[in-house]
Amino acid sequence: HFVPVPPTRPKLWKLPGGFRVRAMPFSASCLACEHVDTGEENFEQQQLPRDRKAGGAGQRAAAGGAEGPNSLSERSRLQEFVKDFAKCALRGINCEVVDGGSGSLFSAFYMVDAALMKLTLRRSQPQANQDGVFRELDMDRIRDVLDFDAAKSQLPEAVLRAVEGGGMKERLLVLSFSDGTPAAFLLEGSAVDRDRFMMCVKILRLFAQTHGSGNTNG
């Protein structure tokens, strides 16, 4: 049984490339679980890809050629940031989900598995006739993670209507997939949280593509 933990004010981190993202400790946005997932211990042994492969801020940080102490420090900070996000997502992070077909909006949380291969969207309060799991997504099949401005030309009309007003556009995340899987739409808690999700999931996607058992392209 999952219950939200009372929030605390998270710290704002400055990361490579000028990104400012909110560091979210377990007590800020994660869900407490009666049974701690032992996968967290296994996760500590995972080696995340270097930030230079992740695109965006990582590429800008590595653009200077030879790496000095500052770039190594930035890489270490970015890796720790992503690890903190992933460990929190093992427990579950509160969000809202938009159904791409109907445009309906409901409270949910997203989770990653200990192997960092699956991203699962679960309803917070499923009805009697509903499965708790809304979508289970393959991390290595994620093609892109976009915000509203980047995705608006391809958004379904139902989603456009659902995020009108209330500052929802700035919280919207759109996950597209390389295998034809329908896009997923979710709302983070703030624009800062949205940016954190985008950066971290892009790096975790690379990890899944590199280490996934189904990867045949190298």
N, C-alpha and C. Protein backbone atom coordinates (compact mmCIF):
# COMPACT_ATOMS: atom_id res chain seq x y z
N HIS A 1 0.85 -1.19 0.00
CA HIS A 1 0.00 0.00 0.00
C HIS A 1 0.88 1.24 0.00
N PHE A 2 0.65 2.15 -0.95
CA PHE A 2 1.46 3.34 -1.08
C PHE A 2 0.71 4.55 -0.53
N VAL A 3 1.38 5.39 0.24
CA VAL A 3 0.80 6.62 0.74
C VAL A 3 1.81 7.75 0.53
N PRO A 4 1.33 8.94 0.16
CA PRO A 4 2.26 10.05 -0.05
C PRO A 4 2.96 10.44 1.25
N VAL A 5 4.21 10.87 1.14
CA VAL A 5 4.96 11.35 2.27
C VAL A 5 4.80 12.86 2.35
N PRO A 6 4.65 13.45 3.54
CA PRO A 6 4.53 14.90 3.64
C PRO A 6 5.71 15.59 2.96
N PRO A 7 5.45 16.63 2.18
CA PRO A 7 6.51 17.25 1.39
C PRO A 7 7.45 18.11 2.22
N THR A 8 8.69 18.22 1.76
CA THR A 8 9.64 19.18 2.27
C THR A 8 10.12 20.01 1.09
N ARG A 9 10.73 21.14 1.38
CA ARG A 9 11.17 22.01 0.28
C ARG A 9 12.47 21.48 -0.31
N PRO A 10 12.45 21.04 -1.59
CA PRO A 10 13.65 20.49 -2.19
C PRO A 10 14.64 21.57 -2.58
N LYS A 11 15.90 21.18 -2.77
CA LYS A 11 16.98 22.09 -3.11
C LYS A 11 17.05 22.26 -4.62
N LEU A 12 17.35 23.49 -5.07
CA LEU A 12 17.51 23.75 -6.50
C LEU A 12 18.97 23.55 -6.87
N TRP A 13 19.21 22.65 -7.84
CA TRP A 13 20.56 22.33 -8.27
C TRP A 13 20.86 23.02 -9.60
N LYS A 14 22.10 23.50 -9.75
CA LYS A 14 22.59 23.99 -11.03
C LYS A 14 23.43 22.88 -11.66
N LEU A 15 23.07 22.51 -12.89
CA LEU A 15 23.72 21.41 -13.57
C LEU A 15 24.39 21.90 -14.85
N PRO A 16 25.19 21.05 -15.50
CA PRO A 16 25.88 21.45 -16.72
C PRO A 16 24.94 22.03 -17.76
N GLY A 17 25.43 23.02 -18.51
CA GLY A 17 24.64 23.63 -19.56
C GLY A 17 23.68 24.69 -19.07
N GLY A 18 23.78 25.09 -17.79
CA GLY A 18 22.92 26.12 -17.27
C GLY A 18 21.57 25.63 -16.79
N PHE A 19 21.33 24.31 -16.78
CA PHE A 19 20.06 23.76 -16.32
C PHE A 19 19.92 24.00 -14.82
N ARG A 20 18.74 24.37 -14.41
CA ARG A 20 18.42 24.49 -12.99
C ARG A 20 17.25 23.55 -12.72
N VAL A 21 17.49 22.52 -11.95
CA VAL A 21 16.45 21.52 -11.70
C VAL A 21 16.34 21.25 -10.22
N ARG A 22 15.17 20.84 -9.80
CA ARG A 22 14.88 20.66 -8.40
C ARG A 22 15.30 19.28 -7.94
N ALA A 23 16.18 19.23 -6.95
CA ALA A 23 16.56 17.95 -6.36
C ALA A 23 15.43 17.47 -5.47
N MET A 24 14.97 16.25 -5.69
CA MET A 24 13.79 15.75 -5.01
C MET A 24 14.14 14.56 -4.13
N PRO A 25 14.37 14.77 -2.84
CA PRO A 25 14.62 13.65 -1.95
C PRO A 25 13.37 12.83 -1.77
N PHE A 26 13.51 11.62 -1.19
CA PHE A 26 12.37 10.73 -1.04
C PHE A 26 11.20 11.43 -0.37
N SER A 27 11.46 12.25 0.65
CA SER A 27 10.38 12.85 1.43
C SER A 27 9.63 13.93 0.67
N ALA A 28 10.17 14.39 -0.48
CA ALA A 28 9.54 15.49 -1.18
C ALA A 28 8.46 15.04 -2.14
N SER A 29 8.73 14.03 -2.96
CA SER A 29 7.75 13.68 -3.98
C SER A 29 7.54 12.18 -4.11
N CYS A 30 8.32 11.38 -3.40
CA CYS A 30 8.19 9.94 -3.52
C CYS A 30 7.05 9.43 -2.66
N LEU A 31 6.74 8.17 -2.84
CA LEU A 31 5.70 7.52 -2.07
C LEU A 31 6.34 6.55 -1.10
N ALA A 32 5.86 6.55 0.13
CA ALA A 32 6.40 5.60 1.11
C ALA A 32 5.76 4.25 0.90
N CYS A 33 6.53 3.21 1.12
CA CYS A 33 6.04 1.84 0.96
C CYS A 33 6.28 1.08 2.25
N GLU A 34 5.36 0.22 2.63
CA GLU A 34 5.52 -0.55 3.84
C GLU A 34 6.70 -1.51 3.72
N HIS A 35 7.03 -1.90 2.50
CA HIS A 35 8.14 -2.82 2.28
C HIS A 35 9.14 -2.15 1.35
N VAL A 36 10.33 -1.88 1.83
CA VAL A 36 11.34 -1.26 0.99
C VAL A 36 11.77 -2.25 -0.09
N ASP A 37 11.81 -1.78 -1.31
CA ASP A 37 12.19 -2.63 -2.44
C ASP A 37 13.69 -2.92 -2.35
N THR A 38 14.03 -4.21 -2.26
CA THR A 38 15.45 -4.56 -2.19
C THR A 38 16.16 -4.24 -3.49
N GLY A 39 15.40 -3.94 -4.54
CA GLY A 39 16.02 -3.54 -5.79
C GLY A 39 16.84 -2.27 -5.66
N GLU A 40 16.56 -1.46 -4.63
CA GLU A 40 17.35 -0.25 -4.43
C GLU A 40 18.81 -0.60 -4.18
N GLU A 41 19.05 -1.69 -3.45
CA GLU A 41 20.42 -2.09 -3.21
C GLU A 41 21.09 -2.51 -4.51
N ASN A 42 20.34 -3.23 -5.36
CA ASN A 42 20.89 -3.63 -6.65
C ASN A 42 21.14 -2.42 -7.54
N PHE A 43 20.24 -1.43 -7.43
CA PHE A 43 20.37 -0.25 -8.27
C PHE A 43 21.68 0.49 -7.98
N GLU A 44 22.12 0.47 -6.73
CA GLU A 44 23.35 1.17 -6.38
C GLU A 44 24.55 0.64 -7.17
N GLN A 45 24.44 -0.60 -7.66
CA GLN A 45 25.54 -1.19 -8.41
C GLN A 45 25.47 -0.86 -9.90
N GLN A 46 24.35 -0.25 -10.35
CA GLN A 46 24.20 0.06 -11.76
C GLN A 46 25.14 1.20 -12.14
N GLN A 47 25.76 1.10 -13.31
CA GLN A 47 26.63 2.15 -13.81
C GLN A 47 25.87 2.92 -14.88
N LEU A 48 25.48 4.13 -14.56
CA LEU A 48 24.75 4.93 -15.52
C LEU A 48 25.70 5.44 -16.60
N PRO A 49 25.16 5.71 -17.80
CA PRO A 49 26.02 6.20 -18.88
C PRO A 49 26.56 7.57 -18.56
N ARG A 50 27.69 7.90 -19.18
CA ARG A 50 28.26 9.22 -18.99
C ARG A 50 27.35 10.28 -19.57
N ASP A 51 27.35 11.44 -18.93
CA ASP A 51 26.45 12.50 -19.34
C ASP A 51 26.69 12.96 -20.76
N ARG A 52 27.90 12.77 -21.32
CA ARG A 52 28.18 13.25 -22.67
C ARG A 52 27.33 12.52 -23.69
N LYS A 53 26.84 11.33 -23.38
CA LYS A 53 26.02 10.56 -24.32
C LYS A 53 24.55 10.90 -24.21
N ALA A 54 24.18 11.65 -23.20
CA ALA A 54 22.76 11.83 -22.90
C ALA A 54 22.13 12.96 -23.69
N GLY A 55 22.93 13.76 -24.39
CA GLY A 55 22.37 14.86 -25.15
C GLY A 55 22.18 16.08 -24.27
N GLY A 56 21.80 17.20 -24.89
CA GLY A 56 21.46 18.39 -24.14
C GLY A 56 22.62 18.90 -23.31
N ALA A 57 22.37 19.00 -22.01
CA ALA A 57 23.36 19.58 -21.11
C ALA A 57 24.64 18.78 -21.10
N GLY A 58 24.53 17.44 -21.22
CA GLY A 58 25.73 16.63 -21.18
C GLY A 58 26.65 16.92 -22.35
N GLN A 59 26.08 17.11 -23.54
CA GLN A 59 26.90 17.40 -24.70
C GLN A 59 27.58 18.75 -24.56
N ARG A 60 26.86 19.74 -24.03
CA ARG A 60 27.45 21.05 -23.86
C ARG A 60 28.57 21.02 -22.83
N ALA A 61 28.38 20.20 -21.80
CA ALA A 61 29.41 20.12 -20.77
C ALA A 61 30.67 19.47 -21.30
N ALA A 62 30.51 18.57 -22.28
CA ALA A 62 31.67 17.83 -22.78
C ALA A 62 32.28 18.45 -24.03
N ALA A 63 31.72 19.56 -24.47
CA ALA A 63 32.12 20.12 -25.75
C ALA A 63 33.53 20.69 -25.74
N GLY A 64 34.10 20.89 -24.57
CA GLY A 64 35.39 21.54 -24.49
C GLY A 64 36.56 20.64 -24.76
N GLY A 65 36.36 19.36 -25.07
CA GLY A 65 37.47 18.47 -25.38
C GLY A 65 38.01 17.82 -24.13
N ALA A 66 39.27 18.09 -23.80
CA ALA A 66 39.91 17.45 -22.64
C ALA A 66 39.15 17.80 -21.38
N GLU A 67 39.01 16.81 -20.52
CA GLU A 67 38.23 16.98 -19.31
C GLU A 67 39.12 17.42 -18.16
N GLY A 68 38.75 18.50 -17.51
CA GLY A 68 39.45 18.97 -16.34
C GLY A 68 38.67 18.63 -15.09
N PRO A 69 39.14 19.09 -13.94
CA PRO A 69 38.44 18.80 -12.68
C PRO A 69 37.01 19.29 -12.66
N ASN A 70 36.75 20.45 -13.30
CA ASN A 70 35.39 20.97 -13.28
C ASN A 70 34.43 20.08 -14.04
N SER A 71 34.84 19.59 -15.23
CA SER A 71 33.95 18.74 -16.02
C SER A 71 33.72 17.41 -15.33
N LEU A 72 34.76 16.89 -14.68
CA LEU A 72 34.58 15.65 -13.93
C LEU A 72 33.62 15.85 -12.78
N SER A 73 33.72 17.01 -12.14
CA SER A 73 32.82 17.32 -11.04
C SER A 73 31.38 17.45 -11.54
N GLU A 74 31.20 18.08 -12.71
CA GLU A 74 29.86 18.22 -13.28
C GLU A 74 29.28 16.86 -13.64
N ARG A 75 30.13 15.99 -14.22
CA ARG A 75 29.65 14.65 -14.57
C ARG A 75 29.22 13.90 -13.32
N SER A 76 30.03 13.99 -12.26
CA SER A 76 29.70 13.31 -11.02
C SER A 76 28.40 13.84 -10.45
N ARG A 77 28.22 15.16 -10.50
CA ARG A 77 26.99 15.76 -9.98
C ARG A 77 25.79 15.29 -10.78
N LEU A 78 25.92 15.26 -12.10
CA LEU A 78 24.81 14.82 -12.95
C LEU A 78 24.47 13.36 -12.69
N GLN A 79 25.48 12.51 -12.57
CA GLN A 79 25.22 11.10 -12.30
C GLN A 79 24.53 10.92 -10.96
N GLU A 80 24.95 11.65 -9.95
CA GLU A 80 24.31 11.54 -8.64
C GLU A 80 22.87 12.05 -8.71
N PHE A 81 22.66 13.09 -9.49
CA PHE A 81 21.32 13.64 -9.66
C PHE A 81 20.38 12.61 -10.27
N VAL A 82 20.87 11.94 -11.33
CA VAL A 82 20.05 10.92 -11.99
C VAL A 82 19.82 9.73 -11.06
N LYS A 83 20.84 9.34 -10.31
CA LYS A 83 20.66 8.25 -9.36
C LYS A 83 19.62 8.59 -8.31
N ASP A 84 19.64 9.83 -7.80
CA ASP A 84 18.64 10.24 -6.82
C ASP A 84 17.24 10.16 -7.41
N PHE A 85 17.10 10.61 -8.66
CA PHE A 85 15.80 10.54 -9.33
C PHE A 85 15.35 9.09 -9.48
N ALA A 86 16.26 8.22 -9.93
CA ALA A 86 15.90 6.83 -10.16
C ALA A 86 15.54 6.11 -8.87
N LYS A 87 16.29 6.38 -7.81
CA LYS A 87 15.97 5.74 -6.53
C LYS A 87 14.61 6.20 -6.02
N CYS A 88 14.31 7.47 -6.24
CA CYS A 88 13.00 7.97 -5.85
C CYS A 88 11.90 7.32 -6.70
N ALA A 89 12.16 7.16 -8.00
CA ALA A 89 11.18 6.55 -8.90
C ALA A 89 10.98 5.08 -8.62
N LEU A 90 11.94 4.42 -7.98
CA LEU A 90 11.72 3.04 -7.55
C LEU A 90 10.56 2.96 -6.57
N ARG A 91 10.43 3.99 -5.73
CA ARG A 91 9.33 4.05 -4.76
C ARG A 91 8.03 4.53 -5.39
N GLY A 92 8.17 5.41 -6.38
CA GLY A 92 6.99 6.00 -7.01
C GLY A 92 6.95 7.50 -6.80
N ILE A 93 6.69 8.26 -7.86
CA ILE A 93 6.64 9.72 -7.81
C ILE A 93 5.27 10.18 -8.29
N ASN A 94 4.63 11.02 -7.49
CA ASN A 94 3.30 11.51 -7.82
C ASN A 94 3.29 12.32 -9.10
N CYS A 95 2.23 12.16 -9.88
CA CYS A 95 2.05 12.94 -11.10
C CYS A 95 0.56 12.91 -11.44
N GLU A 96 0.22 13.45 -12.58
CA GLU A 96 -1.11 13.28 -13.17
C GLU A 96 -0.90 12.74 -14.58
N VAL A 97 -1.86 11.96 -15.03
CA VAL A 97 -1.78 11.37 -16.36
C VAL A 97 -2.96 11.86 -17.19
N VAL A 98 -2.68 12.15 -18.45
CA VAL A 98 -3.73 12.50 -19.40
C VAL A 98 -3.93 11.31 -20.35
N ASP A 99 -5.15 10.82 -20.43
CA ASP A 99 -5.47 9.76 -21.37
C ASP A 99 -5.47 10.36 -22.78
N GLY A 100 -4.60 9.85 -23.64
CA GLY A 100 -4.46 10.42 -24.98
C GLY A 100 -5.68 10.27 -25.85
N GLY A 101 -6.52 9.29 -25.54
CA GLY A 101 -7.72 9.07 -26.34
C GLY A 101 -8.90 9.93 -25.91
N SER A 102 -9.18 9.91 -24.61
CA SER A 102 -10.35 10.62 -24.09
C SER A 102 -10.03 12.02 -23.57
N GLY A 103 -8.76 12.26 -23.24
CA GLY A 103 -8.40 13.53 -22.63
C GLY A 103 -8.68 13.60 -21.14
N SER A 104 -9.13 12.50 -20.57
CA SER A 104 -9.42 12.49 -19.13
C SER A 104 -8.12 12.60 -18.34
N LEU A 105 -8.20 13.27 -17.19
CA LEU A 105 -7.05 13.54 -16.35
C LEU A 105 -7.26 12.87 -15.00
N PHE A 106 -6.24 12.15 -14.51
CA PHE A 106 -6.40 11.48 -13.22
C PHE A 106 -5.08 11.45 -12.47
N SER A 107 -5.19 11.36 -11.15
CA SER A 107 -4.01 11.30 -10.29
C SER A 107 -3.33 9.95 -10.46
N ALA A 108 -2.02 9.98 -10.45
CA ALA A 108 -1.26 8.76 -10.70
C ALA A 108 0.12 8.89 -10.06
N PHE A 109 0.94 7.89 -10.27
CA PHE A 109 2.35 7.98 -9.96
C PHE A 109 3.11 7.12 -10.95
N TYR A 110 4.36 7.48 -11.17
CA TYR A 110 5.18 6.69 -12.08
C TYR A 110 6.30 6.03 -11.30
N MET A 111 6.70 4.86 -11.79
CA MET A 111 7.72 4.06 -11.14
C MET A 111 8.66 3.48 -12.19
N VAL A 112 9.91 3.24 -11.80
CA VAL A 112 10.82 2.45 -12.61
C VAL A 112 11.12 1.16 -11.86
N ASP A 113 11.46 0.11 -12.61
CA ASP A 113 11.84 -1.14 -11.97
C ASP A 113 13.32 -1.09 -11.59
N ALA A 114 13.76 -2.05 -10.78
CA ALA A 114 15.13 -2.04 -10.27
C ALA A 114 16.15 -2.18 -11.39
N ALA A 115 15.76 -2.83 -12.50
CA ALA A 115 16.68 -2.99 -13.63
C ALA A 115 16.73 -1.76 -14.53
N LEU A 116 15.85 -0.77 -14.26
CA LEU A 116 15.79 0.47 -15.04
C LEU A 116 15.39 0.22 -16.49
N MET A 117 14.54 -0.78 -16.71
CA MET A 117 14.10 -1.13 -18.06
C MET A 117 12.64 -0.76 -18.31
N LYS A 118 11.85 -0.56 -17.25
CA LYS A 118 10.42 -0.29 -17.39
C LYS A 118 10.05 0.99 -16.66
N LEU A 119 9.19 1.76 -17.27
CA LEU A 119 8.56 2.93 -16.64
C LEU A 119 7.07 2.65 -16.59
N THR A 120 6.52 2.59 -15.39
CA THR A 120 5.12 2.21 -15.21
C THR A 120 4.32 3.38 -14.69
N LEU A 121 3.17 3.64 -15.32
CA LEU A 121 2.21 4.63 -14.85
C LEU A 121 1.08 3.91 -14.15
N ARG A 122 0.87 4.24 -12.87
CA ARG A 122 -0.16 3.58 -12.08
C ARG A 122 -1.17 4.60 -11.57
N ARG A 123 -2.44 4.23 -11.61
CA ARG A 123 -3.48 5.08 -11.04
C ARG A 123 -3.34 5.13 -9.52
N SER A 124 -3.51 6.31 -8.96
CA SER A 124 -3.44 6.44 -7.51
C SER A 124 -4.66 5.81 -6.84
N GLN A 125 -5.82 5.97 -7.47
CA GLN A 125 -7.07 5.45 -6.90
C GLN A 125 -7.89 4.78 -8.00
N PRO A 126 -7.50 3.57 -8.40
CA PRO A 126 -8.25 2.89 -9.45
C PRO A 126 -9.67 2.55 -9.01
N GLN A 127 -10.59 2.65 -9.94
CA GLN A 127 -11.97 2.26 -9.67
C GLN A 127 -12.07 0.73 -9.65
N ALA A 128 -13.21 0.24 -9.23
CA ALA A 128 -13.40 -1.20 -9.07
C ALA A 128 -13.17 -1.96 -10.38
N ASN A 129 -13.51 -1.33 -11.49
CA ASN A 129 -13.40 -1.99 -12.79
C ASN A 129 -12.12 -1.61 -13.53
N GLN A 130 -11.17 -0.98 -12.85
CA GLN A 130 -9.94 -0.53 -13.49
C GLN A 130 -8.72 -1.26 -12.95
N ASP A 131 -7.79 -1.50 -13.84
CA ASP A 131 -6.49 -2.02 -13.43
C ASP A 131 -5.68 -0.88 -12.82
N GLY A 132 -4.94 -1.16 -11.75
CA GLY A 132 -4.10 -0.13 -11.16
C GLY A 132 -3.03 0.36 -12.11
N VAL A 133 -2.52 -0.53 -12.96
CA VAL A 133 -1.50 -0.15 -13.93
C VAL A 133 -2.18 0.43 -15.16
N PHE A 134 -1.85 1.69 -15.48
CA PHE A 134 -2.41 2.33 -16.67
C PHE A 134 -1.58 2.03 -17.90
N ARG A 135 -0.26 2.22 -17.79
CA ARG A 135 0.65 1.91 -18.89
C ARG A 135 1.95 1.35 -18.31
N GLU A 136 2.52 0.36 -19.01
CA GLU A 136 3.87 -0.11 -18.70
C GLU A 136 4.70 0.13 -19.95
N LEU A 137 5.73 0.95 -19.81
CA LEU A 137 6.48 1.44 -20.96
C LEU A 137 7.91 0.93 -20.94
N ASP A 138 8.42 0.54 -22.11
CA ASP A 138 9.80 0.08 -22.23
C ASP A 138 10.72 1.29 -22.37
N MET A 139 11.65 1.42 -21.43
CA MET A 139 12.55 2.56 -21.44
C MET A 139 13.37 2.63 -22.72
N ASP A 140 13.80 1.45 -23.23
CA ASP A 140 14.67 1.46 -24.41
C ASP A 140 13.91 1.78 -25.70
N ARG A 141 12.57 1.84 -25.62
CA ARG A 141 11.76 2.18 -26.79
C ARG A 141 11.36 3.65 -26.80
N ILE A 142 11.74 4.39 -25.78
CA ILE A 142 11.42 5.81 -25.76
C ILE A 142 12.23 6.52 -26.83
N ARG A 143 11.55 7.20 -27.73
CA ARG A 143 12.24 7.94 -28.79
C ARG A 143 12.61 9.34 -28.32
N ASP A 144 11.66 10.00 -27.61
CA ASP A 144 11.95 11.34 -27.13
C ASP A 144 11.06 11.67 -25.94
N VAL A 145 11.49 12.66 -25.17
CA VAL A 145 10.72 13.20 -24.06
C VAL A 145 10.61 14.69 -24.31
N LEU A 146 9.39 15.19 -24.52
CA LEU A 146 9.18 16.55 -24.97
C LEU A 146 8.31 17.33 -24.00
N ASP A 147 8.49 18.66 -24.00
CA ASP A 147 7.58 19.52 -23.27
C ASP A 147 6.47 19.99 -24.21
N PHE A 148 5.58 20.82 -23.70
CA PHE A 148 4.42 21.23 -24.50
C PHE A 148 4.84 21.95 -25.77
N ASP A 149 5.75 22.91 -25.65
CA ASP A 149 6.12 23.71 -26.81
C ASP A 149 6.71 22.85 -27.94
N ALA A 150 7.50 21.87 -27.58
CA ALA A 150 8.13 21.02 -28.59
C ALA A 150 7.14 20.03 -29.20
N ALA A 151 6.09 19.68 -28.45
CA ALA A 151 5.19 18.62 -28.90
C ALA A 151 3.83 19.12 -29.39
N LYS A 152 3.55 20.41 -29.24
CA LYS A 152 2.17 20.86 -29.44
C LYS A 152 1.65 20.61 -30.85
N SER A 153 2.52 20.61 -31.86
CA SER A 153 2.05 20.40 -33.23
C SER A 153 1.57 18.98 -33.47
N GLN A 154 1.97 18.04 -32.60
CA GLN A 154 1.59 16.64 -32.78
C GLN A 154 0.68 16.11 -31.67
N LEU A 155 0.22 17.00 -30.80
CA LEU A 155 -0.63 16.56 -29.69
C LEU A 155 -2.04 16.27 -30.19
N PRO A 156 -2.67 15.19 -29.68
CA PRO A 156 -4.08 14.93 -30.00
C PRO A 156 -4.95 16.07 -29.49
N GLU A 157 -6.04 16.31 -30.17
CA GLU A 157 -6.96 17.39 -29.79
C GLU A 157 -7.45 17.21 -28.36
N ALA A 158 -7.68 15.96 -27.95
CA ALA A 158 -8.18 15.71 -26.60
C ALA A 158 -7.17 16.14 -25.54
N VAL A 159 -5.89 15.94 -25.82
CA VAL A 159 -4.84 16.35 -24.88
C VAL A 159 -4.72 17.86 -24.84
N LEU A 160 -4.81 18.51 -26.00
CA LEU A 160 -4.75 19.97 -26.04
C LEU A 160 -5.86 20.59 -25.21
N ARG A 161 -7.06 20.03 -25.31
CA ARG A 161 -8.17 20.55 -24.52
C ARG A 161 -7.95 20.31 -23.02
N ALA A 162 -7.37 19.15 -22.70
CA ALA A 162 -7.22 18.78 -21.29
C ALA A 162 -6.24 19.69 -20.55
N VAL A 163 -5.24 20.21 -21.26
CA VAL A 163 -4.21 20.99 -20.57
C VAL A 163 -4.40 22.49 -20.74
N GLU A 164 -5.55 22.91 -21.24
CA GLU A 164 -5.84 24.34 -21.33
C GLU A 164 -6.03 24.92 -19.94
N GLY A 165 -5.35 26.00 -19.67
CA GLY A 165 -5.56 26.71 -18.40
C GLY A 165 -4.89 26.03 -17.22
N GLY A 166 -4.87 26.76 -16.12
CA GLY A 166 -4.38 26.20 -14.86
C GLY A 166 -2.89 25.93 -14.83
N GLY A 167 -2.13 26.49 -15.75
CA GLY A 167 -0.69 26.27 -15.76
C GLY A 167 -0.28 24.85 -16.10
N MET A 168 -1.20 24.09 -16.72
CA MET A 168 -0.88 22.69 -17.00
C MET A 168 0.07 22.52 -18.17
N LYS A 169 0.05 23.44 -19.12
CA LYS A 169 0.92 23.31 -20.30
C LYS A 169 2.39 23.25 -19.88
N GLU A 170 2.77 24.07 -18.91
CA GLU A 170 4.18 24.11 -18.51
C GLU A 170 4.60 22.89 -17.71
N ARG A 171 3.64 22.05 -17.31
CA ARG A 171 3.95 20.83 -16.56
C ARG A 171 3.86 19.58 -17.41
N LEU A 172 3.43 19.74 -18.68
CA LEU A 172 3.16 18.58 -19.53
C LEU A 172 4.45 17.93 -20.01
N LEU A 173 4.44 16.60 -20.03
CA LEU A 173 5.50 15.79 -20.60
C LEU A 173 4.89 14.83 -21.61
N VAL A 174 5.55 14.70 -22.76
CA VAL A 174 5.08 13.80 -23.81
C VAL A 174 6.18 12.81 -24.12
N LEU A 175 5.88 11.53 -23.97
CA LEU A 175 6.84 10.47 -24.27
C LEU A 175 6.42 9.82 -25.58
N SER A 176 7.30 9.88 -26.58
CA SER A 176 7.05 9.20 -27.84
C SER A 176 7.94 7.97 -27.92
N PHE A 177 7.55 7.02 -28.79
CA PHE A 177 8.21 5.71 -28.81
C PHE A 177 8.61 5.32 -30.22
N SER A 178 9.69 4.57 -30.30
CA SER A 178 10.27 4.21 -31.59
C SER A 178 9.58 3.02 -32.25
N ASP A 179 8.74 2.30 -31.50
CA ASP A 179 8.13 1.09 -32.03
C ASP A 179 6.65 1.25 -32.37
N GLY A 180 6.19 2.50 -32.44
CA GLY A 180 4.79 2.74 -32.78
C GLY A 180 3.86 2.72 -31.60
N THR A 181 4.37 2.49 -30.40
CA THR A 181 3.54 2.56 -29.20
C THR A 181 2.93 3.95 -29.07
N PRO A 182 1.64 4.07 -28.76
CA PRO A 182 1.04 5.40 -28.60
C PRO A 182 1.79 6.24 -27.57
N ALA A 183 1.86 7.53 -27.81
CA ALA A 183 2.55 8.43 -26.90
C ALA A 183 1.88 8.41 -25.53
N ALA A 184 2.67 8.72 -24.51
CA ALA A 184 2.17 8.84 -23.14
C ALA A 184 2.23 10.30 -22.73
N PHE A 185 1.25 10.74 -21.94
CA PHE A 185 1.15 12.13 -21.55
C PHE A 185 0.99 12.21 -20.03
N LEU A 186 1.87 12.95 -19.38
CA LEU A 186 1.75 13.10 -17.94
C LEU A 186 2.11 14.52 -17.53
N LEU A 187 1.63 14.90 -16.36
CA LEU A 187 1.88 16.22 -15.79
C LEU A 187 2.73 16.08 -14.54
N GLU A 188 3.87 16.72 -14.53
CA GLU A 188 4.70 16.77 -13.34
C GLU A 188 4.16 17.86 -12.39
N GLY A 189 4.80 17.96 -11.22
CA GLY A 189 4.31 18.91 -10.22
C GLY A 189 4.57 20.36 -10.57
N SER A 190 5.61 20.63 -11.36
CA SER A 190 5.98 21.99 -11.72
C SER A 190 6.84 21.94 -12.98
N ALA A 191 7.16 23.12 -13.53
CA ALA A 191 8.03 23.17 -14.69
C ALA A 191 9.44 22.69 -14.33
N VAL A 192 9.88 22.96 -13.11
CA VAL A 192 11.19 22.49 -12.67
C VAL A 192 11.21 20.97 -12.62
N ASP A 193 10.15 20.37 -12.08
CA ASP A 193 10.06 18.91 -12.03
C ASP A 193 9.99 18.32 -13.43
N ARG A 194 9.31 19.02 -14.33
CA ARG A 194 9.25 18.58 -15.73
C ARG A 194 10.65 18.50 -16.33
N ASP A 195 11.46 19.54 -16.11
CA ASP A 195 12.82 19.56 -16.66
C ASP A 195 13.67 18.44 -16.05
N ARG A 196 13.48 18.20 -14.76
CA ARG A 196 14.20 17.11 -14.09
C ARG A 196 13.86 15.77 -14.72
N PHE A 197 12.56 15.53 -14.97
CA PHE A 197 12.11 14.29 -15.59
C PHE A 197 12.73 14.14 -16.98
N MET A 198 12.68 15.20 -17.77
CA MET A 198 13.19 15.13 -19.14
C MET A 198 14.67 14.75 -19.16
N MET A 199 15.46 15.43 -18.34
CA MET A 199 16.89 15.15 -18.32
C MET A 199 17.17 13.73 -17.85
N CYS A 200 16.57 13.33 -16.75
CA CYS A 200 16.89 12.03 -16.15
C CYS A 200 16.38 10.87 -16.99
N VAL A 201 15.18 10.99 -17.55
CA VAL A 201 14.64 9.87 -18.33
C VAL A 201 15.41 9.70 -19.64
N LYS A 202 15.91 10.79 -20.21
CA LYS A 202 16.73 10.65 -21.41
C LYS A 202 18.02 9.87 -21.11
N ILE A 203 18.59 10.11 -19.95
CA ILE A 203 19.80 9.37 -19.58
C ILE A 203 19.47 7.92 -19.25
N LEU A 204 18.37 7.69 -18.55
CA LEU A 204 17.96 6.32 -18.24
C LEU A 204 17.56 5.55 -19.50
N ARG A 205 17.02 6.25 -20.48
CA ARG A 205 16.72 5.62 -21.76
C ARG A 205 18.00 5.08 -22.41
N LEU A 206 19.04 5.88 -22.38
CA LEU A 206 20.32 5.44 -22.94
C LEU A 206 20.85 4.22 -22.19
N PHE A 207 20.72 4.24 -20.87
CA PHE A 207 21.14 3.09 -20.07
C PHE A 207 20.38 1.83 -20.50
N ALA A 208 19.05 1.96 -20.68
CA ALA A 208 18.24 0.80 -21.08
C ALA A 208 18.61 0.33 -22.48
N GLN A 209 18.88 1.26 -23.39
CA GLN A 209 19.26 0.87 -24.75
C GLN A 209 20.61 0.17 -24.77
N THR A 210 21.49 0.55 -23.86
CA THR A 210 22.82 -0.03 -23.82
C THR A 210 22.85 -1.38 -23.13
N HIS A 211 22.02 -1.53 -22.08
CA HIS A 211 22.08 -2.73 -21.25
C HIS A 211 20.88 -3.67 -21.41
N GLY A 212 19.86 -3.24 -22.15
CA GLY A 212 18.67 -4.07 -22.29
C GLY A 212 18.95 -5.36 -23.03
N SER A 213 18.33 -6.45 -22.57
CA SER A 213 18.56 -7.77 -23.18
C SER A 213 18.05 -7.85 -24.60
N GLY A 214 17.07 -6.96 -24.93
CA GLY A 214 16.51 -7.00 -26.28
C GLY A 214 17.25 -6.15 -27.28
N ASN A 215 18.33 -5.53 -26.85
CA ASN A 215 19.09 -4.66 -27.75
C ASN A 215 19.94 -5.49 -28.70
N THR A 216 19.69 -5.31 -30.00
CA THR A 216 20.45 -6.09 -30.99
C THR A 216 21.26 -5.18 -31.90
N ASN A 217 21.12 -3.87 -31.69
CA ASN A 217 21.80 -2.94 -32.57
C ASN A 217 23.13 -2.45 -32.03
N GLY A 218 23.41 -2.79 -30.72
CA GLY A 218 24.67 -2.36 -30.14
C GLY A 218 24.63 -0.91 -29.73
